[in-house]
């Protein structure tokens, strides 16, 4: 199916400001349909969930439909979809809940490739319980995280492995199914950070082998909140801290306080928008399958154009271009220009390509970039060739400025 990026772009009011957005890995722009869904929920009568009044039924329907939408997007079960303020908050909550069953001498595995939101909750929970933390390292030259890097750390005392499905800094996509096979063979659980994968590729939690899969709708055209997907039976075995009168049912026992109905309505709209990126028929999951395949191909073409252009600019250094699959994300620096100055230079030209470690602190340090990081350019569903060319033009100008001799 043909991906019509012009038609897609027309759905995003924010693009009328004129900037070329490569800041999607930190949060995507939002289509009109999502904004309208959020506003519609705020305008309507809603109450606490229930079945007696129209307002109660409306609130309940919003939650139910959002669970179904996220289940369709992730290949998960609606009853195993948990909503929270953010992926970080959900991961901290799950780490505290799971750690109740950990004992001194137990072990958890984290990786240097991950965003800190899939590192610190686990290392801090481990420290509180006297549990050993083992670190799996990635290859800074290729950006790859080999399955063996994790498999070699597994023992009979391993309780959980936390790993990203795609690096938010480099785009690297580890072989999660192969990792899952080794983790489960050791009798451990696998917690997957899917924040950076979900916007770019069709996800099937079951095929990945993830026991827990966390993501963020605001990275895939939706509102700011977090989502955790797991098998409802597994969630039944986890006992989080909660208020005494709040529901003990799954998944509600993991959702603290009243859910943000307007954001859930926007999340459903975002999933529906993704399902309609290209014409198609069938169930929402079937339409998502076609749309995400077309999106992945479009983004690959844009990434190839960007990578090829950057490779032709003297002074540009790209980091960790994984030899296997990666999301459409490029991390690079320009000569000896400070990343913050390069970011500012591009922003003044209407190109949003921020510079940072982007909370992937261990990864940035391992690459030799310290806590400062580098420039990151992420392709999104609304990225077109003119955006890529504007970024390349800006980088070319920046590289020229970087080598210009000082006046005598």
Protein backbone atom coordinates (compact mmCIF):
# COMPACT_ATOMS: atom_id res chain seq x y z
CA UNK A 1 0.00 0.00 0.00
CA UNK A 2 1.17 3.52 -0.79
CA UNK A 3 2.04 5.69 2.20
CA UNK A 4 0.76 9.22 1.54
CA UNK A 5 2.92 11.37 3.80
CA UNK A 6 1.34 14.57 2.45
CA UNK A 7 -2.10 13.42 3.58
CA UNK A 8 -0.69 12.33 6.93
CA UNK A 9 1.00 15.69 7.50
CA UNK A 10 -2.25 17.53 6.83
CA UNK A 11 -3.69 15.93 9.98
CA UNK A 12 -1.14 17.57 12.31
CA UNK A 13 -1.96 21.18 13.28
CA UNK A 14 1.45 21.64 14.93
CA UNK A 15 3.20 21.31 11.57
CA UNK A 16 1.63 24.58 10.45
CA UNK A 17 4.18 26.37 12.62
CA UNK A 18 6.74 25.39 10.01
CA UNK A 19 9.36 23.51 12.00
CA UNK A 20 10.90 20.26 10.81
CA UNK A 21 10.39 17.92 13.75
CA UNK A 22 13.05 15.32 14.51
CA UNK A 23 12.18 15.38 18.23
CA UNK A 24 9.65 12.55 18.03
CA UNK A 25 11.69 10.16 20.22
CA UNK A 26 11.08 12.60 23.06
CA UNK A 27 7.40 13.03 22.20
CA UNK A 28 5.56 13.10 18.89
CA UNK A 29 3.23 15.73 17.52
CA UNK A 30 -0.49 15.00 17.78
CA UNK A 31 -3.06 14.67 14.98
CA UNK A 32 -6.27 16.66 15.10
CA UNK A 33 -8.32 13.53 15.81
CA UNK A 34 -6.44 12.94 19.06
CA UNK A 35 -6.86 16.54 20.20
CA UNK A 36 -10.58 16.36 19.40
CA UNK A 37 -10.97 13.12 21.34
CA UNK A 38 -9.32 14.65 24.40
CA UNK A 39 -11.45 17.78 24.13
CA UNK A 40 -14.59 15.72 23.56
CA UNK A 41 -14.07 13.74 26.74
CA UNK A 42 -13.50 16.96 28.69
CA UNK A 43 -16.65 18.52 27.28
CA UNK A 44 -18.85 15.50 28.00
CA UNK A 45 -20.38 14.53 31.31
CA UNK A 46 -18.12 12.00 33.02
CA UNK A 47 -17.99 10.70 36.56
CA UNK A 48 -16.40 7.85 38.46
CA UNK A 49 -16.84 4.59 36.58
CA UNK A 50 -20.15 2.86 37.12
CA UNK A 51 -23.32 1.65 35.45
CA UNK A 52 -26.11 3.78 36.89
CA UNK A 53 -25.77 7.23 35.30
CA UNK A 54 -24.85 8.23 31.78
CA UNK A 55 -21.73 9.97 33.13
CA UNK A 56 -20.63 6.77 34.91
CA UNK A 57 -21.22 4.63 31.84
CA UNK A 58 -19.36 7.08 29.64
CA UNK A 59 -16.31 6.97 31.93
CA UNK A 60 -16.40 3.20 32.04
CA UNK A 61 -16.71 3.01 28.27
CA UNK A 62 -13.71 5.28 27.75
CA UNK A 63 -11.54 3.05 29.95
CA UNK A 64 -12.79 -0.18 28.40
CA UNK A 65 -12.24 1.06 24.86
CA UNK A 66 -8.75 2.35 25.66
CA UNK A 67 -7.78 -1.07 27.02
CA UNK A 68 -9.10 -2.69 23.84
CA UNK A 69 -7.26 -0.21 21.64
CA UNK A 70 -3.94 -0.75 23.39
CA UNK A 71 -4.45 -4.51 23.31
CA UNK A 72 -4.95 -4.28 19.55
CA UNK A 73 -1.82 -2.16 19.17
CA UNK A 74 0.37 -4.45 21.27
CA UNK A 75 -1.13 -7.86 20.50
CA UNK A 76 -2.05 -8.09 24.17
CA UNK A 77 -5.12 -8.91 26.28
CA UNK A 78 -7.37 -5.98 27.32
CA UNK A 79 -7.57 -7.33 30.86
CA UNK A 80 -3.79 -7.09 31.14
CA UNK A 81 -3.50 -3.45 30.09
CA UNK A 82 -2.57 -1.08 32.94
CA UNK A 83 -2.57 2.71 32.67
CA UNK A 84 -0.40 5.09 34.67
CA UNK A 85 1.05 8.58 34.64
CA UNK A 86 4.15 7.48 32.72
CA UNK A 87 6.22 4.45 31.80
CA UNK A 88 8.66 5.53 34.51
CA UNK A 89 5.97 5.58 37.18
CA UNK A 90 4.59 2.21 36.11
CA UNK A 91 8.04 0.66 36.14
CA UNK A 92 8.83 1.99 39.60
CA UNK A 93 5.48 0.65 40.85
CA UNK A 94 6.10 -2.77 39.32
CA UNK A 95 9.67 -2.90 40.63
CA UNK A 96 8.51 -2.22 44.18
CA UNK A 97 5.74 -4.81 43.89
CA UNK A 98 7.92 -7.56 42.43
CA UNK A 99 10.78 -6.87 44.84
CA UNK A 100 8.59 -7.91 47.76
CA UNK A 101 9.36 -11.49 46.72
CA UNK A 102 13.11 -10.97 46.28
CA UNK A 103 15.66 -12.05 48.86
CA UNK A 104 19.36 -11.41 49.51
CA UNK A 105 21.39 -13.46 47.04
CA UNK A 106 18.79 -13.11 44.29
CA UNK A 107 19.87 -11.32 41.11
CA UNK A 108 18.46 -8.92 38.53
CA UNK A 109 19.99 -8.05 35.15
CA UNK A 110 19.93 -4.61 33.55
CA UNK A 111 21.76 -3.30 30.46
CA UNK A 112 23.92 -0.32 29.58
CA UNK A 113 21.83 0.18 26.45
CA UNK A 114 18.66 1.11 28.30
CA UNK A 115 16.92 4.34 29.20
CA UNK A 116 17.34 5.03 32.90
CA UNK A 117 13.61 4.35 33.43
CA UNK A 118 14.35 0.67 32.82
CA UNK A 119 17.50 0.68 34.95
CA UNK A 120 17.12 2.73 38.10
CA UNK A 121 13.77 1.32 39.30
CA UNK A 122 15.34 -2.14 39.27
CA UNK A 123 18.73 -1.28 40.73
CA UNK A 124 17.13 0.75 43.51
CA UNK A 125 14.62 -1.99 44.32
CA UNK A 126 17.48 -4.49 44.31
CA UNK A 127 19.55 -2.36 46.68
CA UNK A 128 16.62 -2.09 49.08
CA UNK A 129 16.27 -5.89 49.17
CA UNK A 130 19.95 -6.84 49.21
CA UNK A 131 19.72 -8.24 45.68
CA UNK A 132 22.71 -8.40 43.32
CA UNK A 133 22.61 -6.33 40.12
CA UNK A 134 24.35 -7.71 37.03
CA UNK A 135 25.07 -5.47 34.03
CA UNK A 136 24.85 -6.61 30.41
CA UNK A 137 26.97 -4.44 28.14
CA UNK A 138 26.44 -3.51 24.49
CA UNK A 139 29.14 -3.02 21.85
CA UNK A 140 29.76 0.74 21.57
CA UNK A 141 31.19 0.36 18.06
CA UNK A 142 28.17 -1.32 16.51
CA UNK A 143 25.57 -0.29 19.05
CA UNK A 144 24.46 -3.92 19.27
CA UNK A 145 23.41 -5.77 22.42
CA UNK A 146 24.21 -9.41 21.83
CA UNK A 147 21.96 -12.11 23.27
CA UNK A 148 25.02 -13.66 24.90
CA UNK A 149 25.69 -10.49 26.85
CA UNK A 150 22.55 -11.26 28.83
CA UNK A 151 22.53 -15.04 28.61
CA UNK A 152 26.00 -15.28 30.14
CA UNK A 153 24.78 -13.47 33.25
CA UNK A 154 21.80 -15.70 33.96
CA UNK A 155 21.88 -18.03 36.97
CA UNK A 156 19.38 -19.97 39.04
CA UNK A 157 19.13 -16.88 41.26
CA UNK A 158 18.12 -14.50 38.46
CA UNK A 159 14.66 -13.14 39.20
CA UNK A 160 14.20 -10.54 36.46
CA UNK A 161 15.88 -9.17 33.35
CA UNK A 162 15.10 -5.62 32.19
CA UNK A 163 15.94 -4.76 28.58
CA UNK A 164 14.86 -2.30 25.94
CA UNK A 165 13.11 -3.37 22.76
CA UNK A 166 14.76 -0.41 21.00
CA UNK A 167 17.33 2.05 22.29
CA UNK A 168 15.92 5.55 22.52
CA UNK A 169 19.43 6.90 21.90
CA UNK A 170 20.71 4.71 19.07
CA UNK A 171 17.64 2.93 17.74
CA UNK A 172 19.27 -0.50 18.30
CA UNK A 173 16.71 -3.31 18.44
CA UNK A 174 17.97 -6.28 20.47
CA UNK A 175 16.67 -9.74 19.61
CA UNK A 176 13.99 -9.81 22.29
CA UNK A 177 12.47 -13.23 21.42
CA UNK A 178 15.91 -14.86 21.68
CA UNK A 179 16.60 -13.05 24.94
CA UNK A 180 13.19 -14.08 26.27
CA UNK A 181 13.90 -17.74 25.51
CA UNK A 182 17.10 -17.64 27.54
CA UNK A 183 15.54 -15.63 30.38
CA UNK A 184 12.57 -17.95 30.71
CA UNK A 185 14.90 -20.94 30.51
CA UNK A 186 16.55 -19.61 33.65
CA UNK A 187 13.16 -19.26 35.33
CA UNK A 188 13.25 -15.45 35.38
CA UNK A 189 10.84 -12.74 34.26
CA UNK A 190 11.47 -10.36 31.34
CA UNK A 191 10.51 -6.67 31.61
CA UNK A 192 10.70 -4.93 28.23
CA UNK A 193 10.85 -1.18 27.67
CA UNK A 194 8.89 -0.76 24.47
CA UNK A 195 8.66 3.03 24.53
CA UNK A 196 10.88 3.55 21.50
CA UNK A 197 9.79 0.47 19.52
CA UNK A 198 6.02 0.88 19.65
CA UNK A 199 5.84 4.02 17.44
CA UNK A 200 7.77 2.38 14.62
CA UNK A 201 6.90 -1.30 14.31
CA UNK A 202 3.97 -3.64 14.87
CA UNK A 203 4.30 -5.13 18.34
CA UNK A 204 3.16 -8.58 19.44
CA UNK A 205 3.89 -8.97 23.13
CA UNK A 206 3.36 -12.72 23.00
CA UNK A 207 5.77 -13.27 20.12
CA UNK A 208 8.34 -11.05 21.78
CA UNK A 209 8.12 -13.19 24.89
CA UNK A 210 7.86 -10.18 27.19
CA UNK A 211 6.29 -10.88 30.59
CA UNK A 212 5.83 -7.14 31.03
CA UNK A 213 5.84 -4.60 28.19
CA UNK A 214 5.78 -0.87 28.93
CA UNK A 215 5.25 1.99 26.50
CA UNK A 216 4.13 5.63 26.25
CA UNK A 217 1.26 6.83 24.03
CA UNK A 218 2.79 10.29 23.65
CA UNK A 219 5.56 8.69 21.62
CA UNK A 220 3.04 7.32 19.10
CA UNK A 221 0.89 10.39 18.44
CA UNK A 222 -1.14 10.20 21.67
CA UNK A 223 -1.40 11.99 25.03
CA UNK A 224 1.07 11.96 27.91
CA UNK A 225 0.60 8.81 29.98
CA UNK A 226 2.08 5.33 30.31
CA UNK A 227 0.87 1.81 29.52
CA UNK A 228 1.94 -1.57 30.85
CA UNK A 229 0.80 -4.82 29.23
CA UNK A 230 1.11 -8.26 30.81
CA UNK A 231 -0.77 -11.51 31.03
CA UNK A 232 -3.69 -11.02 33.45
CA UNK A 233 -2.75 -14.28 35.18
CA UNK A 234 0.74 -12.97 35.88
CA UNK A 235 -0.69 -9.70 37.18
CA UNK A 236 -2.90 -11.69 39.55
CA UNK A 237 0.26 -12.96 41.23
CA UNK A 238 1.64 -9.47 41.90
CA UNK A 239 0.46 -7.57 44.98
CA UNK A 240 1.12 -3.83 44.71
CA UNK A 241 0.61 -1.35 47.52
CA UNK A 242 -2.81 0.22 47.15
CA UNK A 243 -5.54 2.03 49.04
CA UNK A 244 -7.75 -0.23 51.15
CA UNK A 245 -11.09 0.65 49.47
CA UNK A 246 -9.73 0.65 45.90
CA UNK A 247 -10.42 -2.31 43.65
CA UNK A 248 -8.31 -5.42 44.07
CA UNK A 249 -9.24 -6.63 40.58
CA UNK A 250 -6.71 -6.86 37.75
CA UNK A 251 -5.75 -4.54 36.12
CA UNK A 252 -7.40 -1.92 38.35
CA UNK A 253 -5.32 -2.83 41.42
CA UNK A 254 -2.27 -1.31 39.68
CA UNK A 255 -3.97 1.98 38.77
CA UNK A 256 -3.63 4.48 41.59
CA UNK A 257 -6.49 6.97 41.85
CA UNK A 258 -8.97 8.01 39.18
CA UNK A 259 -7.78 7.47 35.63
CA UNK A 260 -7.40 10.46 33.26
CA UNK A 261 -10.41 9.74 31.07
CA UNK A 262 -9.63 12.46 28.56
CA UNK A 263 -6.12 11.06 27.98
CA UNK A 264 -7.49 7.56 27.57
CA UNK A 265 -9.93 8.84 24.95
CA UNK A 266 -6.97 10.42 23.18
CA UNK A 267 -5.04 7.16 23.36
CA UNK A 268 -7.84 5.28 21.62
CA UNK A 269 -7.92 7.99 18.95
CA UNK A 270 -4.16 7.67 18.46
CA UNK A 271 -4.41 3.92 17.92
CA UNK A 272 -7.28 4.44 15.48
CA UNK A 273 -5.22 7.04 13.63
CA UNK A 274 -2.31 4.62 13.32
CA UNK A 275 -4.70 1.94 12.04
CA UNK A 276 -5.81 4.35 9.31
CA UNK A 277 -2.42 5.50 8.05
CA UNK A 278 -3.09 3.55 4.86
CA UNK A 279 -6.43 2.35 3.49
CA UNK A 280 -7.45 -1.07 4.72
CA UNK A 281 -10.25 -3.29 5.90
CA UNK A 282 -10.74 -5.83 8.66
CA UNK A 283 -10.32 -5.65 12.40
CA UNK A 284 -8.37 -2.84 13.99
CA UNK A 285 -5.46 -5.22 14.58
CA UNK A 286 -5.51 -6.24 10.92
CA UNK A 287 -5.55 -2.59 9.81
CA UNK A 288 -2.72 -1.83 12.22
CA UNK A 289 -0.71 -4.64 10.67
CA UNK A 290 -0.97 -3.05 7.23
CA UNK A 291 -0.48 0.50 8.40
CA UNK A 292 2.55 -0.20 10.58
CA UNK A 293 4.21 -2.13 7.75
CA UNK A 294 3.71 0.83 5.42
CA UNK A 295 4.92 3.25 8.09
CA UNK A 296 8.02 1.17 8.76
CA UNK A 297 8.93 1.24 5.06
CA UNK A 298 8.34 5.01 4.81
CA UNK A 299 10.50 5.66 7.85
CA UNK A 300 13.23 3.36 6.54
CA UNK A 301 13.40 5.37 3.30
CA UNK A 302 13.61 8.64 5.25
CA UNK A 303 16.30 7.22 7.55
CA UNK A 304 18.36 5.96 4.60
CA UNK A 305 18.18 9.44 3.07
CA UNK A 306 19.29 11.02 6.34
CA UNK A 307 22.12 8.56 7.01
CA UNK A 308 23.43 8.86 3.46
CA UNK A 309 23.37 12.64 3.64
CA UNK A 310 25.13 12.78 6.99
CA UNK A 311 27.83 10.42 5.73
CA UNK A 312 28.71 12.94 3.01
CA UNK A 313 29.26 15.86 5.41
CA UNK A 314 32.84 16.25 6.60
CA UNK A 315 33.15 16.37 10.35
CA UNK A 316 29.98 14.47 11.16
CA UNK A 317 30.36 11.45 13.44
CA UNK A 318 27.49 8.97 13.75
CA UNK A 319 27.30 6.62 16.69
CA UNK A 320 26.36 2.99 16.97
CA UNK A 321 24.67 2.50 13.60
CA UNK A 322 23.50 -1.03 14.41
CA UNK A 323 24.17 -3.45 11.60
CA UNK A 324 20.85 -5.22 12.12
CA UNK A 325 17.40 -3.69 12.47
CA UNK A 326 17.04 -0.36 14.18
CA UNK A 327 14.31 2.19 14.62
CA UNK A 328 14.59 5.35 12.46
CA UNK A 329 16.89 7.13 14.91
CA UNK A 330 20.32 8.64 14.35
CA UNK A 331 22.74 9.96 16.98
CA UNK A 332 25.53 12.18 15.69
CA UNK A 333 27.89 15.05 16.44
CA UNK A 334 29.43 17.74 14.25
CA UNK A 335 33.14 18.32 14.64
CA UNK A 336 34.03 19.86 17.96
CA UNK A 337 30.79 21.83 18.20
CA UNK A 338 29.18 21.45 21.60
CA UNK A 339 25.91 19.51 21.26
CA UNK A 340 23.92 22.30 22.94
CA UNK A 341 25.33 24.85 20.48
CA UNK A 342 24.56 22.57 17.53
CA UNK A 343 21.02 22.11 18.81
CA UNK A 344 20.59 25.88 19.06
CA UNK A 345 22.07 26.43 15.60
CA UNK A 346 19.56 24.04 14.02
CA UNK A 347 16.64 25.35 16.05
CA UNK A 348 17.30 28.86 14.76
CA UNK A 349 16.78 27.42 11.29
CA UNK A 350 13.48 25.78 12.16
CA UNK A 351 14.91 22.28 12.60
CA UNK A 352 14.12 20.55 15.89
CA UNK A 353 16.87 18.00 16.50
CA UNK A 354 17.66 18.17 20.22
CA UNK A 355 20.93 17.26 21.92
CA UNK A 356 21.24 15.32 25.16
CA UNK A 357 21.82 11.90 26.63
CA UNK A 358 18.00 11.67 26.68
CA UNK A 359 18.02 9.78 29.99
CA UNK A 360 20.00 6.95 28.38
CA UNK A 361 22.84 7.95 30.67
CA UNK A 362 24.68 4.63 30.82
CA UNK A 363 24.51 4.30 27.04
CA UNK A 364 25.80 7.82 26.46
CA UNK A 365 28.70 7.28 28.84
CA UNK A 366 29.55 3.95 27.24
CA UNK A 367 29.73 5.70 23.86
CA UNK A 368 32.25 8.14 25.29
CA UNK A 369 29.79 11.04 25.15
CA UNK A 370 29.55 11.47 28.91
CA UNK A 371 26.38 12.99 30.35
CA UNK A 372 26.15 15.57 27.54
CA UNK A 373 25.31 13.15 24.74
CA UNK A 374 24.94 14.27 21.13
CA UNK A 375 22.37 15.35 18.54
CA UNK A 376 19.51 12.93 17.98
CA UNK A 377 17.29 12.90 14.90
CA UNK A 378 14.21 10.72 14.93
CA UNK A 379 11.96 10.03 11.94
CA UNK A 380 8.19 10.16 12.60
CA UNK A 381 5.06 9.34 10.55
CA UNK A 382 4.90 12.98 9.40
CA UNK A 383 8.58 13.26 8.34
CA UNK A 384 9.01 13.91 4.63
CA UNK A 385 11.94 14.43 2.27
CA UNK A 386 11.88 18.20 2.69
CA UNK A 387 12.30 17.78 6.46
CA UNK A 388 15.30 15.53 5.97
CA UNK A 389 16.82 17.90 3.44
CA UNK A 390 16.36 20.86 5.80
CA UNK A 391 18.18 18.98 8.55
CA UNK A 392 21.00 18.01 6.21
CA UNK A 393 21.31 21.58 4.97
CA UNK A 394 21.51 22.84 8.55
CA UNK A 395 24.14 20.27 9.50
CA UNK A 396 26.15 21.13 6.38
CA UNK A 397 26.06 24.81 7.32
CA UNK A 398 27.01 23.96 10.89
CA UNK A 399 29.94 21.85 9.73
CA UNK A 400 31.10 24.74 7.56
CA UNK A 401 30.90 27.12 10.52
CA UNK A 402 32.84 24.64 12.66
CA UNK A 403 35.85 24.59 10.33
CA UNK A 404 35.85 28.28 9.34
CA UNK A 405 39.15 29.87 10.39
CA UNK A 406 39.17 32.65 12.95
CA UNK A 407 39.70 36.13 11.42
CA UNK A 408 43.25 37.45 11.72
